[in-house]
Amino acid sequence: MKTSITFTQQTIKYFFILMILGIQFSCTKTQKSDTSTAQSGSSNLEIPALFERKGDLAKAIEWQKTREKVDELKKKLAKDPNDIKVRLQIATIYLSEARITGEHPYYYPAVLKILDGVLYLSPNNFEATTFKASVKMSQHQFAEARTLAEAARKINPDNAYVYGVLVDANVELGFYKDAIAMSDKMQALKPSLESYSRASYLREIYGDFVGSISAMKLAVEAGMPGSEPFCWSKKTLGHLYESTGELNKAQQQYDDILLVRPSYAFAYGGQARILKVNKQYDKALLILDKAAKIMPEFSFHEEMAEIYDLQGNHEKALDKYEEVAKMLDQDAKSGHAVDLELCKLYTKSGKMDLAMKHGLIEYKKRPRNIDVNHALAVVAFKLNNFKKAKEYILVALSTGSKDPELLKDASKIDRTLANSQFGYEPIIVANR
């Protein structure tokens, strides 16, 4: 399942990025039109610059390779601005950089600009439509992502990648049965890291941790050691082990990742969570600080705030929560929908009116999603609106999820209602 090699020996080759995305650009013909076409739409066809990596990420060997490749592709575009294949190649590199660096506020708008340029040249381009759906997913614009992915499926119903986007969009919108159908189709077309990981997530949603772990192991085995998708799969496997209380196995996943990719911030985040569970708060904070210096990921700072609260340093926790709110606001300005994240953040910081406000904004867009209902159930409970808390938590439990936090919150609501209502039917038992 894993190979003993260093990350410097395992460069992420450009062709591997294409293979991961499941798109065969050899099938895309270069759009040939006269020079006036490119000139008339020149503002649509500009290519944003690469975002310069900093710190440990700038030391990774693939960074120089990435810069060289982008420079090469831009030179090709200078000769032929209408070369769709080259534009799509740059888009895939930028998508990969977004995942590696966490610089989403820059890269997602940049990729959308590139894709809009492709669609200006070729309005029904399958790859550009699919990639755009994927970016919209990453920006949490789920309904738009689903619409785009469905449009792409009509253009090419035999491509596995577009079904992956449809799995994700249907999950986030709360259409779980549709997500399962899309997942089955994706696996039939192309068993891969991407299809296995989605099957894993769906099994987790339906409370099957054993099946979820099994599928995620297959995803890890399908990945190239040292690559970002491989590390992401191992990180996710580690988190599944955390959810089942197997902390030693989780720790092993994070340690293994850092042997092959020392700059992988989410592995440090996993280590910090385990230290937090073991009440080694100072060590956890040091690890989180290291992760945050590698990648501007808000969850690292949110975890720090939680630890400050556990240490009794509530003022420092509130300051950190404010810092996270500013980070999320920056994401929102770039087109990223962050209302669910703000709902959870304001719940932790005790700003319940704001938590409810943002929770309801998200609920209006996806009332069937179990995570949205879970978040609102917690807010309603803290506001002593136990009737609404029960309504939300029943939806959150509707798939049979065994997420530890969900079950803990459901139990709190259950006990409160049981003590206040004669003849009350327990929530969790009723849901089985």
Protein backbone atom coordinates (compact mmCIF):
# COMPACT_ATOMS: atom_id res chain seq x y z
CA MET A 1 0.00 0.00 0.00
CA LYS A 2 2.89 2.38 0.61
CA THR A 3 6.39 2.65 -0.71
CA SER A 4 9.45 3.79 1.24
CA ILE A 5 10.60 6.72 -0.85
CA THR A 6 11.26 10.37 -0.21
CA PHE A 7 9.09 13.09 -1.71
CA THR A 8 12.09 14.53 -3.59
CA GLN A 9 12.21 11.26 -5.51
CA GLN A 10 8.48 11.39 -6.30
CA THR A 11 7.89 14.46 -8.45
CA ILE A 12 4.31 15.04 -9.52
CA LYS A 13 4.62 14.83 -13.28
CA TYR A 14 2.27 16.90 -15.38
CA PHE A 15 0.86 13.91 -17.20
CA PHE A 16 0.00 12.38 -13.83
CA ILE A 17 -2.09 15.42 -12.95
CA LEU A 18 -4.06 14.81 -16.13
CA MET A 19 -4.44 11.13 -15.28
CA ILE A 20 -5.76 11.99 -11.82
CA LEU A 21 -8.38 14.29 -13.30
CA GLY A 22 -9.45 11.55 -15.68
CA ILE A 23 -9.55 13.81 -18.67
CA GLN A 24 -7.99 12.78 -21.97
CA PHE A 25 -6.97 16.00 -23.67
CA SER A 26 -5.84 14.10 -26.71
CA CYS A 27 -9.52 13.96 -27.59
CA THR A 28 -9.80 17.76 -27.58
CA LYS A 29 -9.01 19.41 -30.88
CA THR A 30 -7.32 22.78 -30.84
CA GLN A 31 -9.77 25.50 -31.76
CA LYS A 32 -8.56 27.17 -34.93
CA SER A 33 -10.05 30.54 -35.72
CA ASP A 34 -8.71 33.74 -37.21
CA THR A 35 -6.57 36.15 -35.21
CA SER A 36 -9.41 38.64 -34.92
CA THR A 37 -11.36 36.17 -32.78
CA ALA A 38 -8.64 36.11 -30.13
CA GLN A 39 -8.15 39.88 -30.32
CA SER A 40 -11.85 40.66 -29.95
CA GLY A 41 -12.04 38.56 -26.82
CA SER A 42 -8.56 39.35 -25.49
CA SER A 43 -9.82 40.24 -22.01
CA ASN A 44 -11.41 36.79 -21.80
CA LEU A 45 -8.25 35.05 -22.92
CA GLU A 46 -5.68 36.46 -20.52
CA ILE A 47 -3.92 33.89 -18.32
CA PRO A 48 -3.44 34.88 -14.65
CA ALA A 49 0.04 34.38 -13.21
CA LEU A 50 1.03 31.50 -10.95
CA PHE A 51 0.75 32.35 -7.26
CA GLU A 52 4.28 32.26 -5.86
CA ARG A 53 4.70 29.59 -3.22
CA LYS A 54 6.30 30.48 0.09
CA GLY A 55 8.11 28.65 2.88
CA ASP A 56 8.33 24.86 2.82
CA LEU A 57 6.02 24.58 -0.18
CA ALA A 58 8.48 26.60 -2.27
CA LYS A 59 11.19 24.04 -1.50
CA ALA A 60 9.25 21.10 -2.95
CA ILE A 61 10.93 19.78 -6.09
CA GLU A 62 7.76 19.85 -8.18
CA TRP A 63 7.43 23.63 -7.73
CA GLN A 64 10.29 24.40 -10.12
CA LYS A 65 8.90 21.83 -12.56
CA THR A 66 5.48 23.47 -12.31
CA ARG A 67 6.87 26.94 -13.02
CA GLU A 68 8.81 25.67 -16.00
CA LYS A 69 5.75 23.90 -17.40
CA VAL A 70 3.54 26.96 -17.08
CA ASP A 71 6.18 29.14 -18.75
CA GLU A 72 6.40 26.61 -21.59
CA LEU A 73 2.62 26.58 -22.04
CA LYS A 74 2.37 30.37 -21.99
CA LYS A 75 4.95 30.56 -24.77
CA LYS A 76 2.80 28.20 -26.82
CA LEU A 77 -0.21 30.45 -26.23
CA ALA A 78 1.77 33.47 -27.35
CA LYS A 79 2.16 31.74 -30.72
CA ASP A 80 -1.43 30.47 -30.87
CA PRO A 81 -3.82 32.23 -28.43
CA ASN A 82 -6.68 29.99 -29.57
CA ASP A 83 -5.03 26.72 -28.47
CA ILE A 84 -7.70 25.22 -26.22
CA LYS A 85 -5.61 22.22 -25.26
CA VAL A 86 -2.88 24.43 -23.78
CA ARG A 87 -5.42 26.53 -21.87
CA LEU A 88 -6.92 23.43 -20.31
CA GLN A 89 -3.47 22.16 -19.37
CA ILE A 90 -2.79 25.40 -17.47
CA ALA A 91 -6.17 25.11 -15.75
CA THR A 92 -5.33 21.62 -14.46
CA ILE A 93 -2.00 22.82 -13.10
CA TYR A 94 -3.69 25.74 -11.32
CA LEU A 95 -6.30 23.39 -9.86
CA SER A 96 -3.52 21.21 -8.50
CA GLU A 97 -1.76 24.27 -7.06
CA ALA A 98 -4.97 25.30 -5.31
CA ARG A 99 -5.06 21.94 -3.53
CA ILE A 100 -1.36 21.95 -2.68
CA THR A 101 -1.05 25.55 -1.46
CA GLY A 102 -4.51 26.29 -0.09
CA GLU A 103 -4.48 29.64 -1.90
CA HIS A 104 -8.11 29.22 -2.93
CA PRO A 105 -9.07 32.91 -2.96
CA TYR A 106 -6.53 33.42 -5.74
CA TYR A 107 -6.62 30.19 -7.69
CA TYR A 108 -10.34 29.51 -8.00
CA PRO A 109 -11.13 32.86 -9.65
CA ALA A 110 -7.98 32.44 -11.77
CA VAL A 111 -9.07 29.01 -12.99
CA LEU A 112 -12.58 30.24 -13.70
CA LYS A 113 -11.11 33.04 -15.82
CA ILE A 114 -9.08 30.52 -17.83
CA LEU A 115 -12.10 28.24 -18.28
CA ASP A 116 -14.32 31.12 -19.34
CA GLY A 117 -11.69 31.89 -21.97
CA VAL A 118 -11.96 28.32 -23.26
CA LEU A 119 -15.75 28.51 -23.29
CA TYR A 120 -15.53 31.81 -25.17
CA LEU A 121 -13.63 29.96 -27.88
CA SER A 122 -15.59 26.72 -27.63
CA PRO A 123 -18.96 27.15 -25.85
CA ASN A 124 -19.73 23.41 -25.58
CA ASN A 125 -16.26 22.29 -24.50
CA PHE A 126 -16.66 19.24 -22.27
CA GLU A 127 -13.44 19.59 -20.26
CA ALA A 128 -13.95 23.30 -19.53
CA THR A 129 -17.57 22.73 -18.47
CA THR A 130 -16.55 19.86 -16.19
CA PHE A 131 -13.65 21.75 -14.66
CA LYS A 132 -15.89 24.75 -14.07
CA ALA A 133 -18.35 22.51 -12.24
CA SER A 134 -15.47 21.20 -10.13
CA VAL A 135 -14.33 24.71 -9.21
CA LYS A 136 -17.88 25.70 -8.31
CA MET A 137 -17.97 22.64 -6.03
CA SER A 138 -14.79 23.81 -4.35
CA GLN A 139 -16.35 27.24 -3.86
CA HIS A 140 -19.38 25.56 -2.26
CA GLN A 141 -21.69 26.76 -5.01
CA PHE A 142 -23.26 23.34 -5.14
CA ALA A 143 -26.43 23.93 -7.15
CA GLU A 144 -24.51 25.67 -9.92
CA ALA A 145 -21.91 22.90 -9.87
CA ARG A 146 -24.61 20.28 -10.31
CA THR A 147 -26.18 22.16 -13.23
CA LEU A 148 -22.81 22.49 -14.97
CA ALA A 149 -21.93 18.84 -14.36
CA GLU A 150 -25.25 17.70 -15.78
CA ALA A 151 -24.59 19.83 -18.86
CA ALA A 152 -21.16 18.22 -19.20
CA ARG A 153 -22.68 14.76 -18.83
CA LYS A 154 -24.96 15.44 -21.78
CA ILE A 155 -21.90 16.30 -23.87
CA ASN A 156 -19.98 13.17 -22.78
CA PRO A 157 -21.92 10.59 -20.72
CA ASP A 158 -19.01 8.13 -20.65
CA ASN A 159 -16.45 10.15 -18.69
CA ALA A 160 -15.85 9.08 -15.09
CA TYR A 161 -14.65 12.45 -13.80
CA VAL A 162 -17.94 14.23 -14.42
CA TYR A 163 -19.76 11.58 -12.37
CA GLY A 164 -17.40 12.34 -9.49
CA VAL A 165 -18.50 15.97 -9.56
CA LEU A 166 -22.12 14.81 -9.61
CA VAL A 167 -21.49 12.58 -6.58
CA ASP A 168 -20.09 15.54 -4.67
CA ALA A 169 -22.82 17.97 -5.71
CA ASN A 170 -25.64 15.58 -4.85
CA VAL A 171 -24.10 14.80 -1.46
CA GLU A 172 -23.82 18.47 -0.58
CA LEU A 173 -27.35 19.21 -1.75
CA GLY A 174 -28.66 16.28 0.30
CA PHE A 175 -29.65 14.06 -2.64
CA TYR A 176 -27.87 11.02 -1.23
CA LYS A 177 -29.58 8.33 -3.33
CA ASP A 178 -28.68 10.24 -6.49
CA ALA A 179 -25.10 10.46 -5.21
CA ILE A 180 -24.97 6.69 -4.79
CA ALA A 181 -26.21 6.17 -8.37
CA MET A 182 -23.53 8.55 -9.69
CA SER A 183 -20.87 6.81 -7.58
CA ASP A 184 -21.84 3.41 -8.96
CA LYS A 185 -21.63 4.76 -12.50
CA MET A 186 -18.24 6.32 -11.82
CA GLN A 187 -16.77 3.09 -10.45
CA ALA A 188 -18.13 1.11 -13.39
CA LEU A 189 -16.47 3.51 -15.83
CA LYS A 190 -13.13 3.87 -14.03
CA PRO A 191 -12.15 2.29 -10.70
CA SER A 192 -9.63 4.78 -9.29
CA LEU A 193 -8.54 6.75 -6.26
CA GLU A 194 -11.29 9.24 -7.00
CA SER A 195 -14.08 6.66 -7.32
CA TYR A 196 -12.97 4.67 -4.26
CA SER A 197 -12.74 7.78 -2.09
CA ARG A 198 -16.26 8.83 -3.04
CA ALA A 199 -17.61 5.36 -2.27
CA SER A 200 -15.86 5.63 1.09
CA TYR A 201 -17.52 8.94 1.90
CA LEU A 202 -20.98 7.66 0.99
CA ARG A 203 -20.50 4.61 3.20
CA GLU A 204 -19.47 6.90 6.04
CA ILE A 205 -22.60 9.01 5.53
CA TYR A 206 -24.71 5.86 5.87
CA GLY A 207 -22.95 4.79 9.06
CA ASP A 208 -20.77 2.04 7.58
CA PHE A 209 -17.33 2.84 9.00
CA VAL A 210 -15.96 -0.62 8.21
CA GLY A 211 -16.94 -0.31 4.56
CA SER A 212 -15.76 3.30 4.45
CA ILE A 213 -12.30 2.41 5.75
CA SER A 214 -12.07 -0.50 3.32
CA ALA A 215 -12.85 1.73 0.34
CA MET A 216 -10.44 4.43 1.46
CA LYS A 217 -7.67 1.85 1.73
CA LEU A 218 -8.32 1.03 -1.93
CA ALA A 219 -8.05 4.74 -2.73
CA VAL A 220 -4.67 4.91 -1.00
CA GLU A 221 -3.44 1.85 -2.88
CA ALA A 222 -4.52 3.44 -6.18
CA GLY A 223 -2.55 6.63 -5.51
CA MET A 224 1.04 7.48 -6.42
CA PRO A 225 3.06 7.69 -3.17
CA GLY A 226 4.07 11.24 -2.40
CA SER A 227 1.48 12.83 -4.67
CA GLU A 228 -1.09 15.21 -3.21
CA PRO A 229 -4.06 12.90 -3.98
CA PHE A 230 -2.25 9.98 -2.29
CA CYS A 231 -1.58 12.09 0.81
CA TRP A 232 -5.15 13.37 0.82
CA SER A 233 -6.43 9.77 0.78
CA LYS A 234 -4.16 8.74 3.65
CA LYS A 235 -5.18 11.84 5.59
CA THR A 236 -8.84 10.97 5.09
CA LEU A 237 -8.18 7.38 6.13
CA GLY A 238 -6.49 8.71 9.25
CA HIS A 239 -9.54 10.82 10.05
CA LEU A 240 -11.78 7.77 9.68
CA TYR A 241 -9.60 5.97 12.20
CA GLU A 242 -9.99 8.97 14.52
CA SER A 243 -13.77 8.72 14.20
CA THR A 244 -13.67 5.06 15.24
CA GLY A 245 -11.31 5.75 18.16
CA GLU A 246 -8.33 3.97 16.56
CA LEU A 247 -5.88 6.76 17.31
CA ASN A 248 -2.71 4.69 16.86
CA LYS A 249 -3.75 3.76 13.33
CA ALA A 250 -4.64 7.38 12.63
CA GLN A 251 -1.26 8.55 13.91
CA GLN A 252 0.47 6.04 11.63
CA GLN A 253 -1.27 7.48 8.56
CA TYR A 254 -0.15 11.02 9.39
CA ASP A 255 3.40 9.93 10.15
CA ASP A 256 3.58 7.97 6.87
CA ILE A 257 2.45 11.02 4.90
CA LEU A 258 5.14 13.24 6.38
CA LEU A 259 7.84 10.72 5.47
CA VAL A 260 7.06 11.14 1.77
CA ARG A 261 5.71 14.72 1.78
CA PRO A 262 7.07 16.77 4.71
CA SER A 263 5.17 19.87 3.62
CA TYR A 264 1.71 18.29 3.80
CA ALA A 265 -0.03 20.59 6.29
CA PHE A 266 -3.14 18.46 6.82
CA ALA A 267 -1.00 15.62 8.21
CA TYR A 268 0.24 18.01 10.89
CA GLY A 269 -3.37 18.97 11.51
CA GLY A 270 -4.19 15.30 12.11
CA GLN A 271 -1.29 14.91 14.52
CA ALA A 272 -2.50 17.97 16.41
CA ARG A 273 -6.01 16.57 16.79
CA ILE A 274 -4.61 13.40 18.35
CA LEU A 275 -2.48 15.46 20.74
CA LYS A 276 -5.61 17.45 21.59
CA VAL A 277 -7.56 14.28 22.42
CA ASN A 278 -4.68 13.23 24.66
CA LYS A 279 -4.77 16.70 26.32
CA GLN A 280 -1.27 17.56 25.16
CA TYR A 281 -2.44 21.05 24.34
CA ASP A 282 0.87 22.90 24.14
CA LYS A 283 2.32 20.34 21.73
CA ALA A 284 -0.85 20.45 19.65
CA LEU A 285 -0.61 24.24 19.37
CA LEU A 286 2.99 24.04 18.18
CA ILE A 287 2.04 21.52 15.49
CA LEU A 288 -0.93 23.61 14.38
CA ASP A 289 1.25 26.69 14.16
CA LYS A 290 3.60 24.75 11.89
CA ALA A 291 0.69 23.64 9.69
CA ALA A 292 -0.68 27.19 9.49
CA LYS A 293 2.69 28.53 8.33
CA ILE A 294 2.68 26.04 5.46
CA MET A 295 -0.91 26.64 4.33
CA PRO A 296 -3.45 29.43 5.05
CA GLU A 297 -6.15 26.95 6.09
CA PHE A 298 -8.77 28.39 8.45
CA SER A 299 -9.42 25.06 10.21
CA PHE A 300 -5.93 25.06 11.74
CA HIS A 301 -6.65 28.39 13.42
CA GLU A 302 -10.12 27.26 14.48
CA GLU A 303 -8.54 24.22 16.12
CA MET A 304 -6.15 26.52 17.96
CA ALA A 305 -9.09 28.54 19.28
CA GLU A 306 -10.74 25.38 20.58
CA ILE A 307 -7.56 24.42 22.40
CA TYR A 308 -7.26 27.90 23.96
CA ASP A 309 -10.82 27.41 25.24
CA LEU A 310 -9.89 24.02 26.70
CA GLN A 311 -6.91 25.65 28.43
CA GLY A 312 -9.23 28.23 29.96
CA ASN A 313 -7.80 31.09 27.90
CA HIS A 314 -11.16 32.28 26.61
CA GLU A 315 -10.02 35.77 25.61
CA LYS A 316 -7.28 34.35 23.39
CA ALA A 317 -9.79 31.89 21.95
CA LEU A 318 -12.18 34.69 21.00
CA ASP A 319 -9.36 36.63 19.34
CA LYS A 320 -8.47 33.56 17.31
CA TYR A 321 -12.12 33.01 16.35
CA GLU A 322 -12.21 36.61 15.08
CA GLU A 323 -9.11 35.89 13.01
CA VAL A 324 -10.84 32.86 11.48
CA ALA A 325 -13.92 34.95 10.67
CA LYS A 326 -11.69 37.36 8.73
CA MET A 327 -10.14 34.46 6.82
CA LEU A 328 -13.58 33.18 5.89
CA ASP A 329 -14.63 36.67 4.84
CA GLN A 330 -11.65 36.76 2.47
CA ASP A 331 -12.80 33.45 0.99
CA ALA A 332 -16.33 34.81 0.61
CA LYS A 333 -15.07 37.82 -1.35
CA SER A 334 -13.48 35.46 -3.88
CA GLY A 335 -16.78 33.69 -4.52
CA HIS A 336 -16.57 30.97 -1.86
CA ALA A 337 -19.84 30.31 0.02
CA VAL A 338 -18.88 30.03 3.71
CA ASP A 339 -22.17 30.31 5.62
CA LEU A 340 -22.03 26.80 7.09
CA GLU A 341 -18.47 27.40 8.27
CA LEU A 342 -19.51 30.73 9.81
CA CYS A 343 -22.50 29.08 11.48
CA LYS A 344 -20.21 26.56 13.18
CA LEU A 345 -17.61 29.21 14.02
CA TYR A 346 -20.10 31.57 15.64
CA THR A 347 -21.63 28.67 17.56
CA LYS A 348 -18.22 27.88 19.09
CA SER A 349 -17.58 31.53 19.92
CA GLY A 350 -21.01 31.96 21.53
CA LYS A 351 -22.48 34.36 18.96
CA MET A 352 -25.68 32.43 18.54
CA ASP A 353 -27.72 35.02 16.64
CA LEU A 354 -25.01 35.20 13.97
CA ALA A 355 -24.74 31.42 13.98
CA MET A 356 -28.47 31.08 13.31
CA LYS A 357 -28.37 33.77 10.62
CA HIS A 358 -25.67 32.05 8.62
CA GLY A 359 -27.07 28.59 9.27
CA LEU A 360 -30.44 29.57 7.84
CA ILE A 361 -28.80 31.11 4.76
CA GLU A 362 -27.17 27.76 4.09
CA TYR A 363 -30.34 25.82 4.97
CA LYS A 364 -32.31 27.78 2.37
CA LYS A 365 -29.90 26.52 -0.31
CA ARG A 366 -29.71 22.87 0.82
CA PRO A 367 -32.35 21.91 3.40
CA ARG A 368 -31.74 18.15 3.00
CA ASN A 369 -28.03 18.18 3.82
CA ILE A 370 -27.30 16.35 7.07
CA ASP A 371 -24.34 18.56 8.06
CA VAL A 372 -26.38 21.75 7.67
CA ASN A 373 -29.19 20.27 9.77
CA HIS A 374 -26.71 19.10 12.41
CA ALA A 375 -25.24 22.60 12.70
CA LEU A 376 -28.69 24.19 13.00
CA ALA A 377 -29.78 21.60 15.56
CA VAL A 378 -26.89 22.63 17.80
CA VAL A 379 -27.72 26.34 17.39
CA ALA A 380 -31.42 25.81 18.10
CA PHE A 381 -30.57 23.72 21.16
CA LYS A 382 -28.27 26.42 22.56
CA LEU A 383 -31.06 28.97 21.98
CA ASN A 384 -33.41 26.67 23.96
CA ASN A 385 -35.61 26.07 20.94
CA PHE A 386 -35.83 22.33 21.56
CA LYS A 387 -38.67 21.74 19.11
CA LYS A 388 -36.61 23.05 16.18
CA ALA A 389 -33.54 21.28 17.50
CA LYS A 390 -35.45 18.00 17.29
CA GLU A 391 -36.62 18.73 13.73
CA TYR A 392 -33.11 19.49 12.54
CA ILE A 393 -31.42 16.61 14.32
CA LEU A 394 -33.87 14.07 12.91
CA VAL A 395 -32.88 15.12 9.39
CA ALA A 396 -29.21 15.01 10.39
CA LEU A 397 -29.68 11.42 11.58
CA SER A 398 -31.76 10.35 8.57
CA THR A 399 -28.96 8.52 6.74
CA GLY A 400 -27.90 6.54 9.80
CA SER A 401 -24.61 8.41 10.17
CA LYS A 402 -22.52 7.36 13.16
CA ASP A 403 -20.42 10.50 13.26
CA PRO A 404 -19.33 10.82 16.92
CA GLU A 405 -20.09 14.54 17.18
CA LEU A 406 -23.52 14.09 15.62
CA LEU A 407 -24.43 11.27 18.00
CA LYS A 408 -23.15 13.24 20.99
CA ASP A 409 -25.26 16.28 20.08
CA ALA A 410 -28.28 14.12 19.34
CA SER A 411 -27.96 12.54 22.78
CA LYS A 412 -27.92 15.98 24.45
CA ILE A 413 -31.09 16.98 22.64
CA ASP A 414 -32.60 13.58 23.40
CA ARG A 415 -31.96 13.83 27.15
CA THR A 416 -33.29 17.37 27.37
CA LEU A 417 -36.50 16.50 25.54
CA ALA A 418 -36.94 13.29 27.54
CA ASN A 419 -36.76 15.26 30.78
CA SER A 420 -39.24 17.86 29.57
CA GLN A 421 -41.90 15.76 27.84
CA PHE A 422 -43.98 12.94 29.28
CA GLY A 423 -44.14 9.91 27.00
CA TYR A 424 -41.38 11.27 24.74
CA GLU A 425 -40.04 8.89 22.07
CA PRO A 426 -36.21 8.93 22.04
CA ILE A 427 -34.70 10.49 18.92
CA ILE A 428 -31.82 8.08 18.36
CA VAL A 429 -33.89 4.94 18.97
CA ALA A 430 -36.64 6.24 16.69
CA ASN A 431 -34.09 6.84 13.97
CA ARG A 432 -32.77 3.25 13.91
